[in-house]
C-alpha cells in the first residue's frame, strides 16, 4: 500500500493540476491529508461510494497521463543519470589528484555521453 501511496503522490506532483477541481481535492484529501472516504464525502458533498469512484477515476487519469507523457519515468531516469554524472565527477577529481589523466579523460567522456543522452531523450516526441 505504501508503494501505491508513493506512486500516486509522484503522479499527483506531476499531473495533479491537469485534474478537475473535485478530482484534485479527492486525491489531495485522501493521499496527502489521509482523510477517510466519509470525511472526504462530507467535504465534497458526495457519498462515501461517490468518493471511492471519484478516487478510482482520478487515479486512472493520473496513470493515463503518465502513460501518454512519461514525465515521471523521464524524471526518474534522469535522476539516475545525474547520479552517474556526480560519480564520474568524483572520479575526475580523484584521477586528477592522482595525476591519472587517462582515467580523468575516461570519466569526462562518460559525463559527456550521459549529457548527450539526456538531451536526446528530451528531444523525443511521442
C-alpha atoms as a PDB file:
ATOM      1  CA  UNK A   1       0.000   0.000   0.000  1.00  0.00           C
ATOM      2  CA  UNK A   2       2.838   2.397   0.827  1.00  0.00           C
ATOM      3  CA  UNK A   3       4.207   1.849  -2.679  1.00  0.00           C
ATOM      4  CA  UNK A   4       0.870   2.891  -4.210  1.00  0.00           C
ATOM      5  CA  UNK A   5       0.693   5.977  -1.987  1.00  0.00           C
ATOM      6  CA  UNK A   6       4.181   6.969  -3.107  1.00  0.00           C
ATOM      7  CA  UNK A   7       3.359   6.311  -6.772  1.00  0.00           C
ATOM      8  CA  UNK A   8       0.104   8.291  -6.677  1.00  0.00           C
ATOM      9  CA  UNK A   9       1.888  11.099  -4.812  1.00  0.00           C
ATOM     10  CA  UNK A  10       4.544  11.304  -7.509  1.00  0.00           C
ATOM     11  CA  UNK A  11       1.968  11.227 -10.299  1.00  0.00           C
ATOM     12  CA  UNK A  12      -0.041  13.873  -8.436  1.00  0.00           C
ATOM     13  CA  UNK A  13       3.041  16.118  -8.199  1.00  0.00           C
ATOM     14  CA  UNK A  14       3.496  15.945 -11.962  1.00  0.00           C
ATOM     15  CA  UNK A  15      -0.077  15.815 -13.245  1.00  0.00           C
ATOM     16  CA  UNK A  16      -2.347  16.933 -10.396  1.00  0.00           C
ATOM     17  CA  UNK A  17      -3.078  20.312 -11.961  1.00  0.00           C
ATOM     18  CA  UNK A  18      -4.495  18.521 -15.015  1.00  0.00           C
ATOM     19  CA  UNK A  19      -7.304  17.048 -12.909  1.00  0.00           C
ATOM     20  CA  UNK A  20     -10.545  18.927 -12.388  1.00  0.00           C
ATOM     21  CA  UNK A  21     -11.074  20.608  -9.008  1.00  0.00           C
ATOM     22  CA  UNK A  22     -13.076  17.757  -7.479  1.00  0.00           C
ATOM     23  CA  UNK A  23     -10.596  15.101  -8.636  1.00  0.00           C
ATOM     24  CA  UNK A  24      -7.679  17.179  -7.394  1.00  0.00           C
ATOM     25  CA  UNK A  25      -9.319  17.654  -3.989  1.00  0.00           C
ATOM     26  CA  UNK A  26     -10.208  13.976  -3.630  1.00  0.00           C
ATOM     27  CA  UNK A  27      -6.633  12.858  -4.329  1.00  0.00           C
ATOM     28  CA  UNK A  28      -5.211  15.572  -2.073  1.00  0.00           C
ATOM     29  CA  UNK A  29      -7.549  14.790   0.822  1.00  0.00           C
ATOM     30  CA  UNK A  30      -7.052  11.034   0.573  1.00  0.00           C
ATOM     31  CA  UNK A  31      -3.348  10.689  -0.208  1.00  0.00           C
ATOM     32  CA  UNK A  32      -1.867  13.873   1.208  1.00  0.00           C
ATOM     33  CA  UNK A  33      -4.087  14.598   4.209  1.00  0.00           C
ATOM     34  CA  UNK A  34      -5.014  10.942   4.886  1.00  0.00           C
ATOM     35  CA  UNK A  35      -8.736  11.665   5.304  1.00  0.00           C
ATOM     36  CA  UNK A  36     -11.263   8.827   5.250  1.00  0.00           C
ATOM     37  CA  UNK A  37     -13.737   8.359   2.407  1.00  0.00           C
ATOM     38  CA  UNK A  38     -16.530   9.549   4.696  1.00  0.00           C
ATOM     39  CA  UNK A  39     -14.636  12.696   5.676  1.00  0.00           C
ATOM     40  CA  UNK A  40     -13.885  13.483   2.058  1.00  0.00           C
ATOM     41  CA  UNK A  41     -17.515  12.844   1.149  1.00  0.00           C
ATOM     42  CA  UNK A  42     -18.644  15.413   3.712  1.00  0.00           C
ATOM     43  CA  UNK A  43     -16.173  17.984   2.393  1.00  0.00           C
ATOM     44  CA  UNK A  44     -17.123  17.409  -1.245  1.00  0.00           C
ATOM     45  CA  UNK A  45     -20.830  16.883  -0.675  1.00  0.00           C
ATOM     46  CA  UNK A  46     -20.919  13.368  -2.120  1.00  0.00           C
ATOM     47  CA  UNK A  47     -21.423   9.867  -0.739  1.00  0.00           C
ATOM     48  CA  UNK A  48     -18.644   7.612   0.507  1.00  0.00           C
ATOM     49  CA  UNK A  49     -19.167   5.433  -2.587  1.00  0.00           C
ATOM     50  CA  UNK A  50     -19.022   8.569  -4.731  1.00  0.00           C
ATOM     51  CA  UNK A  51     -15.641   9.416  -3.215  1.00  0.00           C
ATOM     52  CA  UNK A  52     -14.410   5.878  -3.887  1.00  0.00           C
ATOM     53  CA  UNK A  53     -15.481   6.112  -7.537  1.00  0.00           C
ATOM     54  CA  UNK A  54     -14.022   9.616  -7.868  1.00  0.00           C
ATOM     55  CA  UNK A  55     -10.673   8.444  -6.477  1.00  0.00           C
ATOM     56  CA  UNK A  56     -10.555   5.487  -8.876  1.00  0.00           C
ATOM     57  CA  UNK A  57     -11.339   7.717 -11.881  1.00  0.00           C
ATOM     58  CA  UNK A  58      -8.778  10.290 -10.729  1.00  0.00           C
ATOM     59  CA  UNK A  59      -6.093   7.663 -10.227  1.00  0.00           C
ATOM     60  CA  UNK A  60      -6.840   6.255 -13.687  1.00  0.00           C
ATOM     61  CA  UNK A  61      -6.412   9.714 -15.171  1.00  0.00           C
ATOM     62  CA  UNK A  62      -3.045  10.175 -13.451  1.00  0.00           C
ATOM     63  CA  UNK A  63      -1.830   6.807 -14.765  1.00  0.00           C
ATOM     64  CA  UNK A  64      -3.134   7.656 -18.262  1.00  0.00           C
ATOM     65  CA  UNK A  65      -1.235  10.954 -18.244  1.00  0.00           C
ATOM     66  CA  UNK A  66       1.948   9.132 -17.295  1.00  0.00           C
ATOM     67  CA  UNK A  67       1.381   6.513 -19.986  1.00  0.00           C
ATOM     68  CA  UNK A  68       0.995   9.219 -22.631  1.00  0.00           C
ATOM     69  CA  UNK A  69       3.571  11.749 -21.416  1.00  0.00           C
ATOM     70  CA  UNK A  70       6.052   9.662 -19.411  1.00  0.00           C
ATOM     71  CA  UNK A  71       7.305  12.619 -17.380  1.00  0.00           C
ATOM     72  CA  UNK A  72       7.727  10.681 -14.131  1.00  0.00           C
ATOM     73  CA  UNK A  73       9.750   7.968 -15.891  1.00  0.00           C
ATOM     74  CA  UNK A  74      11.931  10.575 -17.608  1.00  0.00           C
ATOM     75  CA  UNK A  75      12.436  12.343 -14.293  1.00  0.00           C
ATOM     76  CA  UNK A  76      13.413   9.084 -12.553  1.00  0.00           C
ATOM     77  CA  UNK A  77      15.741   8.081 -15.397  1.00  0.00           C
ATOM     78  CA  UNK A  78      17.398  11.493 -15.352  1.00  0.00           C
ATOM     79  CA  UNK A  79      17.893  11.285 -11.590  1.00  0.00           C
ATOM     80  CA  UNK A  80      19.863   8.074 -12.095  1.00  0.00           C
ATOM     81  CA  UNK A  81      21.890   9.705 -14.861  1.00  0.00           C
ATOM     82  CA  UNK A  82      22.699  12.710 -12.679  1.00  0.00           C
ATOM     83  CA  UNK A  83      23.918  10.273 -10.012  1.00  0.00           C
ATOM     84  CA  UNK A  84      26.294   8.745 -12.599  1.00  0.00           C
ATOM     85  CA  UNK A  85      27.471  12.212 -13.597  1.00  0.00           C
ATOM     86  CA  UNK A  86      28.277  13.011  -9.968  1.00  0.00           C
ATOM     87  CA  UNK A  87      30.095   9.698  -9.526  1.00  0.00           C
ATOM     88  CA  UNK A  88      32.168  10.405 -12.619  1.00  0.00           C
ATOM     89  CA  UNK A  89      32.899  13.947 -11.438  1.00  0.00           C
ATOM     90  CA  UNK A  90      34.239  12.425  -8.218  1.00  0.00           C
ATOM     91  CA  UNK A  91      36.287  10.060 -10.381  1.00  0.00           C
ATOM     92  CA  UNK A  92      37.738  13.013 -12.274  1.00  0.00           C
ATOM     93  CA  UNK A  93      38.729  14.728  -9.040  1.00  0.00           C
ATOM     94  CA  UNK A  94      40.387  11.561  -7.730  1.00  0.00           C
ATOM     95  CA  UNK A  95      42.141  10.911 -11.058  1.00  0.00           C
ATOM     96  CA  UNK A  96      43.460  14.465 -11.205  1.00  0.00           C
ATOM     97  CA  UNK A  97      44.655  14.246  -7.592  1.00  0.00           C
ATOM     98  CA  UNK A  98      46.498  11.042  -8.588  1.00  0.00           C
ATOM     99  CA  UNK A  99      47.711  12.724 -11.814  1.00  0.00           C
ATOM    100  CA  UNK A 100      45.990   9.896 -13.724  1.00  0.00           C
ATOM    101  CA  UNK A 101      44.921  11.891 -16.761  1.00  0.00           C
ATOM    102  CA  UNK A 102      43.842   8.859 -18.799  1.00  0.00           C
ATOM    103  CA  UNK A 103      41.182   7.880 -16.253  1.00  0.00           C
ATOM    104  CA  UNK A 104      40.144  11.516 -15.839  1.00  0.00           C
ATOM    105  CA  UNK A 105      39.572  11.660 -19.598  1.00  0.00           C
ATOM    106  CA  UNK A 106      37.500   8.454 -19.449  1.00  0.00           C
ATOM    107  CA  UNK A 107      35.289   9.971 -16.736  1.00  0.00           C
ATOM    108  CA  UNK A 108      34.880  13.144 -18.789  1.00  0.00           C
ATOM    109  CA  UNK A 109      33.815  11.086 -21.831  1.00  0.00           C
ATOM    110  CA  UNK A 110      31.237   9.217 -19.703  1.00  0.00           C
ATOM    111  CA  UNK A 111      29.823  12.520 -18.426  1.00  0.00           C
ATOM    112  CA  UNK A 112      29.603  13.837 -21.986  1.00  0.00           C
ATOM    113  CA  UNK A 113      27.849  10.639 -23.170  1.00  0.00           C
ATOM    114  CA  UNK A 114      25.303  10.836 -20.336  1.00  0.00           C
ATOM    115  CA  UNK A 115      24.643  14.531 -21.015  1.00  0.00           C
ATOM    116  CA  UNK A 116      24.100  13.837 -24.727  1.00  0.00           C
ATOM    117  CA  UNK A 117      21.718  11.003 -23.839  1.00  0.00           C
ATOM    118  CA  UNK A 118      19.712  13.292 -21.540  1.00  0.00           C
ATOM    119  CA  UNK A 119      19.477  15.949 -24.248  1.00  0.00           C
ATOM    120  CA  UNK A 120      18.490  13.432 -26.941  1.00  0.00           C
ATOM    121  CA  UNK A 121      15.746  11.961 -24.763  1.00  0.00           C
ATOM    122  CA  UNK A 122      14.479  15.475 -24.105  1.00  0.00           C
ATOM    123  CA  UNK A 123      14.081  15.951 -27.878  1.00  0.00           C
ATOM    124  CA  UNK A 124      11.927  12.827 -28.374  1.00  0.00           C
ATOM    125  CA  UNK A 125       8.370  13.398 -29.420  1.00  0.00           C
ATOM    126  CA  UNK A 126       5.796  10.694 -28.782  1.00  0.00           C
END
